Protein backbone atom coordinates (compact mmCIF):
# COMPACT_ATOMS: atom_id res chain seq x y z
CA MET A 1 -41.28 -15.95 -10.09
CA ILE A 2 -38.10 -14.12 -11.05
CA LYS A 3 -38.71 -10.69 -12.50
CA SER A 4 -36.36 -9.16 -14.98
CA PHE A 5 -33.73 -6.65 -13.93
CA GLU A 6 -35.55 -3.93 -15.85
CA GLU A 7 -38.85 -4.62 -14.05
CA TYR A 8 -37.20 -3.64 -10.79
CA ASN A 9 -35.79 -0.43 -12.23
CA VAL A 10 -32.44 -0.92 -10.48
CA ASN A 11 -30.18 2.02 -11.22
CA GLU A 12 -26.89 0.56 -12.46
CA SER A 13 -25.29 4.01 -12.48
CA ALA A 14 -25.78 4.25 -8.71
CA ILE A 15 -22.90 1.81 -8.11
CA ASN A 16 -20.48 4.72 -7.63
CA GLU A 17 -22.71 5.95 -4.81
CA ALA A 18 -22.34 2.56 -3.12
CA SER A 19 -18.63 2.88 -2.43
CA GLN A 20 -19.40 5.56 0.17
CA VAL A 21 -21.88 3.58 2.31
CA GLU A 22 -20.99 0.61 4.48
CA PRO A 23 -23.65 -2.15 4.73
CA THR A 24 -25.19 -2.58 8.19
CA GLU A 25 -25.25 -5.75 10.29
CA GLU A 26 -28.98 -6.06 9.48
CA GLN A 27 -28.25 -5.95 5.74
CA PHE A 28 -25.46 -8.51 6.16
CA GLU A 29 -27.85 -10.86 7.99
CA ALA A 30 -30.55 -10.38 5.32
CA VAL A 31 -28.14 -11.39 2.55
CA LYS A 32 -26.94 -14.35 4.64
CA ALA A 33 -30.51 -15.53 5.32
CA HIS A 34 -31.33 -15.51 1.61
CA LEU A 35 -28.27 -17.32 0.23
CA PRO A 36 -30.33 -20.49 -0.41
CA GLU A 37 -32.49 -18.51 -2.86
CA LEU A 38 -29.37 -17.31 -4.69
CA GLU A 39 -28.05 -20.88 -4.85
CA ASP A 40 -31.42 -21.96 -6.30
CA LEU A 41 -31.30 -19.12 -8.85
CA ILE A 42 -27.80 -20.14 -9.97
CA ASN A 43 -28.82 -23.82 -10.12
CA LYS A 44 -31.85 -22.97 -12.25
CA THR A 45 -29.76 -20.81 -14.58
CA LEU A 46 -26.90 -23.32 -15.00
CA GLY A 47 -28.86 -26.57 -14.81
CA THR A 48 -26.89 -27.72 -11.78
CA LYS A 49 -28.52 -29.30 -8.74
CA LYS A 50 -28.85 -28.46 -5.07
CA GLY A 51 -25.67 -29.37 -3.26
CA ASP A 52 -23.34 -29.00 -6.27
CA PHE A 53 -21.95 -25.87 -4.61
CA LYS A 54 -22.41 -23.87 -1.43
CA LEU A 55 -22.16 -20.10 -1.06
CA GLU A 56 -21.00 -18.26 2.02
CA VAL A 57 -21.20 -14.63 3.04
CA TYR A 58 -18.43 -12.72 4.85
CA LYS A 59 -17.60 -9.16 5.80
CA ASN A 60 -15.11 -7.52 3.47
CA ARG A 61 -13.99 -4.01 4.51
CA LYS A 62 -16.87 -1.74 3.41
CA ALA A 63 -18.77 -4.48 1.62
CA ILE A 64 -20.48 -7.84 1.93
CA GLY A 65 -18.49 -10.64 0.35
CA LEU A 66 -19.94 -13.74 -1.29
CA ARG A 67 -18.02 -16.77 -2.51
CA CYS A 68 -18.37 -20.42 -3.33
CA THR A 69 -16.97 -22.72 -0.64
CA ASN A 70 -16.01 -25.65 -2.87
CA ASP A 71 -14.05 -26.41 -6.04
CA LEU A 72 -16.38 -26.61 -9.03
CA LYS A 73 -14.20 -28.39 -11.59
CA PHE A 74 -16.03 -31.67 -10.89
CA LEU A 75 -19.07 -30.11 -12.60
CA LEU A 76 -17.18 -30.18 -15.90
CA GLY A 77 -16.90 -33.95 -15.90
CA ASN A 78 -13.87 -36.12 -16.33
CA THR A 79 -12.61 -34.74 -19.61
CA LEU A 80 -9.69 -32.49 -20.31
CA VAL A 81 -10.63 -30.29 -17.35
CA LYS A 82 -7.84 -31.71 -15.14
CA THR A 83 -5.19 -30.61 -17.61
CA LEU A 84 -6.68 -27.11 -17.90
CA PHE A 85 -7.57 -26.29 -14.28
CA THR A 86 -6.48 -27.17 -10.78
CA GLU A 87 -9.40 -25.29 -9.23
CA ILE A 88 -12.54 -23.40 -10.30
CA GLY A 89 -14.67 -21.18 -8.06
CA ILE A 90 -17.29 -18.45 -7.91
CA ASP A 91 -16.75 -15.08 -6.26
CA PHE A 92 -18.98 -12.02 -6.12
CA TRP A 93 -17.25 -8.64 -6.24
CA GLY A 94 -18.91 -5.50 -4.97
CA GLY A 95 -21.25 -6.30 -2.11
CA GLN A 96 -21.88 -2.63 -1.56
CA TYR A 97 -25.06 -0.90 -0.43
CA ILE A 98 -26.79 1.44 -2.91
CA PRO A 99 -29.06 3.72 -0.86
CA SER A 100 -31.04 5.13 -3.81
CA ASP A 101 -32.17 1.60 -4.79
CA ASN A 102 -32.02 0.06 -1.29
CA THR A 103 -30.06 -2.83 -2.79
CA ILE A 104 -26.74 -4.57 -2.28
CA TRP A 105 -24.84 -4.72 -5.59
CA PHE A 106 -22.66 -7.69 -6.65
CA SER A 107 -20.67 -8.58 -9.74
CA PRO A 108 -20.56 -12.38 -10.16
CA LYS A 109 -17.17 -13.72 -11.27
CA ILE A 110 -15.78 -17.15 -11.98
CA TRP A 111 -12.10 -17.70 -11.25
CA TYR A 112 -9.75 -20.54 -12.06
CA LYS A 113 -6.21 -21.72 -11.48
CA HIS A 114 -4.04 -23.48 -14.06
CA PRO A 115 -1.73 -26.46 -13.39
CA SER A 116 1.27 -24.35 -14.40
CA GLY A 117 0.50 -21.91 -11.59
CA GLY A 118 -1.38 -19.16 -13.44
CA SER A 119 -4.88 -17.98 -12.64
CA ASN A 120 -7.54 -15.73 -14.03
CA GLY A 121 -11.17 -14.72 -13.71
CA THR A 122 -14.06 -13.41 -15.74
CA ASP A 123 -17.73 -12.42 -15.53
CA PHE A 124 -20.06 -15.22 -14.52
CA VAL A 125 -23.73 -15.74 -15.44
CA TRP A 126 -24.93 -12.09 -15.17
CA ASP A 127 -23.44 -8.63 -15.65
CA SER A 128 -24.53 -7.81 -12.11
CA LEU A 129 -26.75 -9.05 -9.34
CA HIS A 130 -28.66 -7.00 -6.78
CA PHE A 131 -30.19 -8.05 -3.48
CA LYS A 132 -33.34 -5.95 -3.03
CA LEU A 133 -33.62 -5.21 0.70
CA ASP A 134 -37.29 -4.09 0.52
CA THR A 135 -38.42 -7.50 -0.70
CA ASN A 136 -35.43 -9.78 0.14
CA GLU A 137 -35.16 -10.81 -3.52
CA TRP A 138 -32.16 -11.49 -5.76
CA ILE A 139 -32.41 -9.45 -8.96
CA PRO A 140 -30.14 -10.68 -11.78
CA SER A 141 -29.29 -8.36 -14.65
CA ARG A 142 -28.82 -9.42 -18.27
CA ALA A 143 -27.41 -12.92 -18.66
CA ILE A 144 -23.98 -12.98 -20.29
CA PHE A 145 -24.73 -16.17 -22.23
CA ALA A 146 -27.66 -17.27 -24.37
């Protein structure tokens, strides 16, 4: 069962604290081991199915990076999508350890490239996402869509 963000009492204001603390190898491995649960959570939220996308974890300076490994524009069907986008992907900014909550904080983003060469990105699915190290659970915040 997925609990709400508020039930976990994750301190969103502690994100500034996170920029000072580098995640450990153990924390990196915990996030990596639990990527399938995050993929399942995203699939459940979006109505996609297992295998539609794959996430990977990587080390990114003082943070843990997460990103989608494949182009997602095929999920939009065979409509006008090919004239609007050349590529669509998911990235997770942040990836920083918050000691006061014992969580790793992420900000899910969707990014896209246009056929004319431009690109952009925006929030994706939730305002933020935390990986709770005490319980190895993904804790999504408020959904950005209804």
